[in-house]
N, C-alpha and C. Protein backbone atom coordinates (compact mmCIF):
# COMPACT_ATOMS: atom_id res chain seq x y z
N MET A 1 1.27 -0.82 0.26
CA MET A 1 0.00 -0.05 -0.40
C MET A 1 0.76 1.47 0.00
N ALA A 2 1.80 1.20 0.91
CA ALA A 2 2.56 2.44 0.91
C ALA A 2 3.36 2.69 -0.07
N GLY A 3 3.78 1.39 -0.91
CA GLY A 3 4.57 1.63 -2.11
C GLY A 3 3.50 2.31 -3.40
N GLU A 4 2.11 1.76 -3.12
CA GLU A 4 1.33 2.23 -4.27
C GLU A 4 1.23 3.69 -4.15
N ARG A 5 1.20 4.12 -3.16
CA ARG A 5 0.97 5.65 -2.60
C ARG A 5 2.33 6.38 -3.21
N THR A 6 3.19 5.88 -2.86
CA THR A 6 4.70 6.55 -3.27
C THR A 6 4.64 6.65 -4.70
N LYS A 7 4.04 5.70 -5.54
CA LYS A 7 4.32 5.86 -7.23
C LYS A 7 3.26 6.73 -7.86
N THR A 8 2.12 6.54 -6.65
CA THR A 8 0.83 7.20 -7.13
C THR A 8 1.09 9.03 -6.83
N ALA A 9 2.18 9.40 -5.75
CA ALA A 9 2.73 10.56 -5.63
C ALA A 9 3.40 10.83 -6.02
N ALA A 10 4.63 10.33 -6.92
CA ALA A 10 5.51 10.55 -7.65
C ALA A 10 5.18 10.68 -9.21
N LEU A 11 4.19 10.10 -9.33
CA LEU A 11 3.15 10.21 -11.10
C LEU A 11 2.85 11.27 -10.92
N ALA A 12 1.92 11.83 -9.91
CA ALA A 12 1.27 13.19 -9.42
C ALA A 12 2.10 14.42 -9.71
N LEU A 13 3.39 14.40 -9.35
CA LEU A 13 4.31 15.00 -9.09
C LEU A 13 5.04 15.25 -10.39
N VAL A 14 5.40 14.46 -10.85
CA VAL A 14 5.96 14.53 -12.27
C VAL A 14 4.98 15.07 -13.09
N LEU A 15 3.69 14.76 -13.11
CA LEU A 15 1.91 15.31 -14.05
C LEU A 15 2.50 16.75 -13.65
N ALA A 16 2.14 17.19 -12.52
CA ALA A 16 2.52 18.84 -11.70
C ALA A 16 3.71 19.28 -12.67
N VAL A 17 4.55 18.92 -12.65
CA VAL A 17 6.11 19.58 -13.40
C VAL A 17 5.64 19.84 -14.61
N PHE A 18 5.12 18.72 -15.50
CA PHE A 18 4.59 18.95 -17.02
C PHE A 18 3.77 19.85 -17.04
N VAL A 19 2.58 20.20 -16.41
CA VAL A 19 1.79 20.90 -16.62
C VAL A 19 2.15 22.22 -16.07
N LEU A 20 2.83 22.52 -15.39
CA LEU A 20 3.28 23.95 -14.80
C LEU A 20 4.61 24.33 -16.33
N GLY A 21 5.21 22.90 -16.71
CA GLY A 21 5.92 23.69 -17.35
C GLY A 21 5.50 24.42 -18.97
N VAL A 22 4.65 23.58 -18.84
CA VAL A 22 3.63 23.60 -20.56
C VAL A 22 3.01 25.12 -20.21
N ALA A 23 2.38 25.30 -19.00
CA ALA A 23 1.74 26.80 -18.65
C ALA A 23 2.99 27.87 -18.42
N ILE A 24 3.38 27.51 -17.95
CA ILE A 24 4.97 28.69 -18.11
C ILE A 24 5.62 29.03 -19.62
N GLY A 25 5.80 27.97 -20.33
CA GLY A 25 6.43 27.87 -21.73
C GLY A 25 5.22 28.70 -22.50
N GLY A 26 4.02 28.28 -22.17
CA GLY A 26 3.06 29.25 -23.16
C GLY A 26 2.64 31.04 -22.36
N LEU A 27 3.21 30.89 -21.75
CA LEU A 27 2.74 32.52 -21.03
C LEU A 27 3.97 32.94 -21.33
N GLY A 28 5.27 32.04 -21.46
CA GLY A 28 6.50 32.79 -22.23
C GLY A 28 6.25 33.10 -23.54
N MET A 29 5.70 32.52 -24.34
CA MET A 29 5.44 32.77 -25.69
C MET A 29 4.74 33.87 -25.97
N TYR A 30 3.34 33.96 -25.04
CA TYR A 30 2.78 35.06 -25.43
C TYR A 30 3.47 36.56 -24.90
N LEU A 31 4.31 36.47 -23.66
CA LEU A 31 4.60 37.60 -23.56
C LEU A 31 5.74 37.92 -24.67
N ALA A 32 6.36 36.91 -25.53
CA ALA A 32 7.22 37.22 -26.64
C ALA A 32 6.69 37.86 -27.57
N ARG A 33 5.45 37.25 -27.96
CA ARG A 33 4.73 37.62 -29.11
C ARG A 33 4.31 39.34 -29.10
N SER A 34 3.47 39.00 -27.80
CA SER A 34 3.24 40.34 -27.52
C SER A 34 3.77 41.60 -27.28
N ARG A 35 4.89 41.19 -26.29
CA ARG A 35 5.79 42.54 -26.24
C ARG A 35 6.87 42.41 -27.08
N VAL A 36 7.62 41.55 -28.12
CA VAL A 36 8.84 41.67 -28.55
C VAL A 36 8.00 41.51 -30.23
N MET A 37 8.05 40.26 -30.38
CA MET A 37 7.22 40.20 -32.18
C MET A 37 6.34 41.09 -32.65
N GLY A 38 5.28 41.48 -31.27
CA GLY A 38 4.30 42.42 -31.94
C GLY A 38 4.93 44.08 -31.69
N ALA A 39 6.07 44.24 -31.03
CA ALA A 39 6.16 46.04 -31.11
C ALA A 39 6.41 46.27 -32.01
N ASN A 40 5.85 47.56 -31.93
CA ASN A 40 5.91 48.86 -33.17
C ASN A 40 7.10 48.69 -34.01
N VAL A 41 7.40 48.14 -34.96
CA VAL A 41 8.30 48.70 -35.94
C VAL A 41 7.77 49.88 -36.56
N GLN A 42 9.35 50.45 -36.82
CA GLN A 42 9.29 51.59 -37.44
C GLN A 42 9.57 51.55 -38.72
N PRO A 43 8.88 52.23 -39.74
CA PRO A 43 9.17 52.12 -40.87
C PRO A 43 10.82 52.45 -41.46
N PRO A 44 11.59 51.93 -42.22
CA PRO A 44 12.92 52.51 -42.15
C PRO A 44 12.80 53.96 -42.90
N VAL A 45 13.96 54.71 -42.42
CA VAL A 45 14.03 56.13 -42.24
C VAL A 45 15.26 56.42 -43.57
N ASP A 46 14.80 57.07 -44.66
CA ASP A 46 15.23 57.81 -45.70
C ASP A 46 16.63 58.42 -45.52
N ARG A 47 17.40 58.02 -45.81
CA ARG A 47 19.06 58.80 -45.24
C ARG A 47 19.39 59.62 -46.70
N SER A 48 18.70 59.73 -47.39
CA SER A 48 19.49 60.47 -48.70
C SER A 48 19.49 61.59 -48.18
N PRO A 49 20.30 62.43 -48.99
CA PRO A 49 20.92 63.90 -48.28
C PRO A 49 19.37 64.86 -48.77
N MET A 50 18.88 64.28 -49.60
CA MET A 50 17.45 65.26 -49.66
C MET A 50 16.47 65.36 -48.80
N ALA A 51 16.51 63.81 -48.08
CA ALA A 51 15.32 63.70 -47.53
C ALA A 51 15.78 64.21 -46.11
N VAL A 52 17.30 63.92 -45.55
CA VAL A 52 17.51 64.65 -44.68
C VAL A 52 17.33 66.19 -44.35
N ARG A 53 17.60 66.40 -45.57
CA ARG A 53 17.66 68.29 -45.83
C ARG A 53 16.32 68.34 -45.15
N ALA A 54 15.22 68.19 -46.34
CA ALA A 54 13.99 68.35 -46.06
C ALA A 54 13.04 67.88 -44.61
N ARG A 55 13.67 67.07 -43.75
CA ARG A 55 13.51 66.89 -42.01
C ARG A 55 14.26 67.93 -41.85
N THR A 56 15.09 68.35 -41.76
CA THR A 56 16.02 69.50 -41.23
C THR A 56 15.61 70.86 -41.14
N VAL A 57 14.97 71.24 -42.45
CA VAL A 57 13.93 72.18 -42.99
C VAL A 57 12.49 72.24 -42.03
N ASP A 58 12.04 71.65 -42.12
CA ASP A 58 10.96 71.26 -41.86
C ASP A 58 11.22 71.36 -39.94
N ARG A 59 11.86 70.64 -39.17
CA ARG A 59 12.03 70.68 -37.94
C ARG A 59 12.52 72.25 -37.66
N MET A 60 13.42 72.33 -38.56
CA MET A 60 13.69 74.02 -37.96
C MET A 60 12.54 74.95 -38.28
N THR A 61 11.60 74.93 -39.09
CA THR A 61 10.34 75.84 -39.42
C THR A 61 9.44 75.76 -38.41
N HIS A 62 9.44 74.33 -37.81
CA HIS A 62 8.35 74.19 -36.77
C HIS A 62 8.53 74.96 -35.58
N GLU A 63 10.38 74.48 -35.61
CA GLU A 63 10.83 75.17 -33.73
C GLU A 63 11.08 76.88 -34.03
N LEU A 64 11.17 77.11 -35.10
CA LEU A 64 12.08 78.74 -35.32
C LEU A 64 10.90 79.55 -35.81
N ASN A 65 9.72 78.71 -36.16
CA ASN A 65 8.87 79.54 -37.19
C ASN A 65 9.39 80.55 -38.01
N LEU A 66 10.00 79.68 -39.13
CA LEU A 66 10.80 80.05 -40.29
C LEU A 66 9.79 80.59 -41.48
N THR A 67 10.11 81.85 -41.77
CA THR A 67 9.29 82.24 -43.34
C THR A 67 9.73 81.09 -44.40
N ALA A 68 9.04 81.32 -45.15
CA ALA A 68 8.91 80.91 -46.84
C ALA A 68 10.79 81.10 -47.27
N ASP A 69 10.63 82.55 -47.28
CA ASP A 69 11.73 82.73 -47.51
C ASP A 69 13.45 82.41 -47.18
N GLN A 70 13.15 82.19 -45.47
CA GLN A 70 14.20 81.43 -44.59
C GLN A 70 14.19 80.04 -44.80
N GLN A 71 13.06 79.48 -45.02
CA GLN A 71 13.27 77.83 -45.17
C GLN A 71 13.73 77.67 -46.72
N LYS A 72 13.42 78.56 -47.74
CA LYS A 72 14.16 78.38 -48.91
C LYS A 72 15.77 78.35 -48.81
N GLN A 73 16.36 79.70 -48.04
CA GLN A 73 17.58 80.17 -47.60
C GLN A 73 18.02 79.02 -47.05
N LEU A 74 17.79 78.43 -45.85
CA LEU A 74 17.79 77.40 -45.17
C LEU A 74 18.46 76.07 -46.33
N ASP A 75 17.40 75.81 -46.99
CA ASP A 75 17.48 74.75 -47.79
C ASP A 75 18.77 74.75 -48.79
N THR A 76 19.33 76.02 -49.33
CA THR A 76 20.41 75.97 -50.28
C THR A 76 21.07 76.11 -48.92
N ILE A 77 21.74 76.65 -48.25
CA ILE A 77 22.89 76.59 -47.43
C ILE A 77 23.27 75.39 -46.66
N LEU A 78 22.11 74.14 -46.19
CA LEU A 78 22.06 72.96 -46.26
C LEU A 78 22.59 72.21 -47.40
N ALA A 79 21.95 72.40 -48.54
CA ALA A 79 22.48 71.85 -49.68
C ALA A 79 24.12 71.70 -49.81
N GLN A 80 24.69 73.06 -49.73
CA GLN A 80 25.79 73.67 -49.82
C GLN A 80 26.87 72.91 -49.11
N THR A 81 26.32 72.78 -47.38
CA THR A 81 27.00 72.23 -46.67
C THR A 81 27.41 70.77 -46.89
N TYR A 82 26.10 70.09 -47.15
CA TYR A 82 26.24 68.81 -47.34
C TYR A 82 27.04 68.01 -48.32
N GLY A 83 26.99 69.40 -49.70
CA GLY A 83 27.98 68.95 -50.52
C GLY A 83 29.30 69.21 -50.17
N GLN A 84 29.53 69.69 -49.23
CA GLN A 84 30.98 69.89 -48.71
C GLN A 84 31.43 69.16 -47.97
N TYR A 85 30.54 68.39 -46.79
CA TYR A 85 30.65 67.23 -46.11
C TYR A 85 31.33 65.93 -46.62
N ALA A 86 30.30 65.81 -48.14
CA ALA A 86 30.42 65.04 -48.82
C ALA A 86 31.46 65.02 -49.78
N ALA A 87 32.49 65.80 -49.87
CA ALA A 87 33.63 66.43 -50.41
C ALA A 87 34.36 66.09 -49.86
N ILE A 88 34.53 65.98 -48.13
CA ILE A 88 35.43 66.19 -47.49
C ILE A 88 35.32 64.06 -46.99
N HIS A 89 34.24 63.77 -47.02
CA HIS A 89 34.20 62.06 -46.60
C HIS A 89 35.20 61.76 -48.07
N ASP A 90 34.39 61.98 -49.44
CA ASP A 90 35.45 61.55 -50.79
C ASP A 90 37.00 61.44 -50.47
N GLN A 91 37.40 62.65 -49.79
CA GLN A 91 38.85 63.19 -49.97
C GLN A 91 39.18 62.10 -49.03
N SER A 92 38.80 62.00 -47.54
CA SER A 92 38.73 61.17 -46.55
C SER A 92 39.30 59.67 -46.80
N THR A 93 38.56 59.19 -47.82
CA THR A 93 38.43 57.83 -48.29
C THR A 93 39.21 57.56 -49.05
N LYS A 94 39.81 58.21 -49.91
CA LYS A 94 40.62 58.37 -50.91
C LYS A 94 42.18 58.19 -50.16
N MET A 95 42.40 59.08 -48.98
CA MET A 95 43.53 59.52 -48.67
C MET A 95 43.67 57.93 -47.61
N THR A 96 42.50 57.53 -46.97
CA THR A 96 42.55 56.17 -46.04
C THR A 96 42.79 54.70 -46.83
N ALA A 97 42.53 55.06 -48.59
CA ALA A 97 42.63 53.84 -49.00
C ALA A 97 44.32 54.20 -49.39
N GLN A 98 45.04 55.01 -50.05
CA GLN A 98 46.01 55.25 -50.51
C GLN A 98 46.87 55.00 -49.36
N THR A 99 46.72 55.20 -47.90
CA THR A 99 47.67 55.28 -46.88
C THR A 99 47.58 53.68 -46.79
N ARG A 100 46.24 53.45 -46.46
CA ARG A 100 46.26 51.24 -46.37
C ARG A 100 47.21 50.78 -47.48
N ASN A 101 47.07 51.50 -49.00
CA ASN A 101 48.04 50.11 -49.75
C ASN A 101 49.41 50.85 -49.40
N GLN A 102 49.80 51.90 -49.08
CA GLN A 102 50.79 52.26 -48.77
C GLN A 102 51.17 51.42 -47.87
N GLY A 103 51.08 50.94 -46.68
CA GLY A 103 51.39 50.31 -45.58
C GLY A 103 51.48 48.74 -46.27
N ARG A 104 50.34 48.24 -46.31
CA ARG A 104 50.45 47.32 -47.29
C ARG A 104 51.79 46.55 -48.13
N ASP A 105 51.89 47.56 -48.94
CA ASP A 105 53.12 47.78 -49.75
C ASP A 105 54.30 47.23 -48.51
N GLN A 106 54.67 48.02 -47.82
CA GLN A 106 55.37 47.96 -47.19
C GLN A 106 55.89 46.66 -46.32
N ILE A 107 54.47 46.51 -45.84
CA ILE A 107 54.37 44.80 -45.26
C ILE A 107 54.69 44.10 -46.45
N ARG A 108 54.09 43.78 -47.60
CA ARG A 108 54.57 42.81 -48.37
C ARG A 108 56.19 42.71 -48.67
N ALA A 109 56.95 44.05 -48.53
CA ALA A 109 57.95 44.12 -48.92
C ALA A 109 59.06 43.39 -47.83
N ILE A 110 58.39 43.00 -46.43
CA ILE A 110 59.10 42.22 -45.42
C ILE A 110 59.11 41.11 -45.22
N LEU A 111 58.24 40.47 -46.22
CA LEU A 111 57.66 39.26 -46.16
C LEU A 111 58.33 38.39 -46.81
N THR A 112 58.64 36.68 -46.56
CA THR A 112 58.94 36.20 -47.42
C THR A 112 58.16 35.56 -47.95
N PRO A 113 58.49 34.71 -49.65
CA PRO A 113 57.62 34.32 -50.40
C PRO A 113 56.51 33.48 -50.01
N GLU A 114 57.18 32.98 -49.27
CA GLU A 114 56.25 31.70 -48.40
C GLU A 114 54.95 32.78 -47.60
N GLN A 115 55.44 33.56 -47.34
CA GLN A 115 54.48 34.26 -46.35
C GLN A 115 53.40 35.18 -46.96
N LEU A 116 53.67 35.73 -48.25
CA LEU A 116 53.30 36.52 -49.12
C LEU A 116 51.82 36.01 -49.82
N PRO A 117 51.40 34.43 -50.00
CA PRO A 117 50.41 34.25 -49.94
C PRO A 117 49.15 33.97 -48.80
N LYS A 118 49.99 34.06 -48.12
CA LYS A 118 48.90 34.16 -46.61
C LYS A 118 48.55 35.44 -46.07
N PHE A 119 49.36 36.50 -46.84
CA PHE A 119 48.98 38.20 -46.13
C PHE A 119 48.11 38.28 -47.26
N GLU A 120 48.06 37.51 -48.31
CA GLU A 120 47.22 37.95 -49.38
C GLU A 120 45.40 37.84 -48.87
N ASP A 121 45.56 36.31 -48.76
CA ASP A 121 44.20 35.84 -47.94
C ASP A 121 43.99 36.60 -46.68
N VAL A 122 44.78 36.97 -45.93
CA VAL A 122 44.38 37.82 -44.87
C VAL A 122 43.78 39.08 -45.08
N LEU A 123 44.55 39.83 -46.44
CA LEU A 123 44.10 40.99 -46.71
C LEU A 123 42.84 40.37 -47.89
N ARG A 124 42.72 39.88 -47.95
CA ARG A 124 41.37 39.54 -48.85
C ARG A 124 40.22 39.23 -47.83
N ARG A 125 40.54 38.84 -46.61
CA ARG A 125 39.15 38.41 -45.42
C ARG A 125 38.98 39.84 -44.96
N ILE A 126 39.69 40.81 -44.60
CA ILE A 126 39.82 41.82 -44.23
C ILE A 126 39.04 42.52 -44.98
N ASP A 127 39.63 42.93 -46.15
CA ASP A 127 38.66 43.52 -47.20
C ASP A 127 37.45 42.89 -47.60
N GLU A 128 37.03 41.64 -47.47
CA GLU A 128 35.11 41.06 -47.40
C GLU A 128 34.47 41.72 -46.22
N GLU A 129 35.12 42.03 -45.02
CA GLU A 129 34.82 42.11 -43.59
C GLU A 129 34.39 43.85 -43.78
N ARG A 130 35.40 44.72 -44.36
CA ARG A 130 35.29 45.62 -44.43
C ARG A 130 33.78 46.56 -45.19
N LYS A 131 33.86 45.62 -46.68
CA LYS A 131 33.18 45.86 -47.61
C LYS A 131 31.65 45.27 -46.89
N LYS A 132 31.49 44.14 -46.12
CA LYS A 132 30.26 43.86 -45.49
C LYS A 132 29.54 45.23 -44.25
N ARG A 133 30.90 45.69 -43.71
CA ARG A 133 30.76 46.43 -42.66
C ARG A 133 29.88 47.67 -43.08
N SER A 134 31.04 48.19 -44.61
CA SER A 134 30.24 49.98 -45.48
C SER A 134 28.44 49.24 -45.81
N SER A 135 28.56 48.24 -46.25
CA SER A 135 27.42 47.98 -46.51
C SER A 135 25.95 47.98 -46.04
N ASN A 136 26.20 48.00 -44.87
CA ASN A 136 25.27 47.96 -43.81
C ASN A 136 25.03 49.09 -43.17
């Protein structure tokens, strides 16, 4: 009799743990769906220079109460400024590439013929990673 009660109690305990696991898992899924998966996802923001400029003019218009003439002037100033930023960025990118290539050439000069193919493989991987980061 005592053995039968022990088996029944053990079975009840296992069943209770199973039922609690299912209930907690279901609650977890509900919370995950409602709070994470169902979160309000914002549409992607247009980051083109024209869109950024338009948002800036709009924001400044509302915050500073700009006139139509001031809006046009601000847009012109921003277009010139963003153009200068782009030129600086392009120049910096070219200078960075030149410096990188000079350094790589100097490294190649100190390597043995056996080391060169390995170095080129390392550079290929580095360039692939750089390309992935810049495309994101």
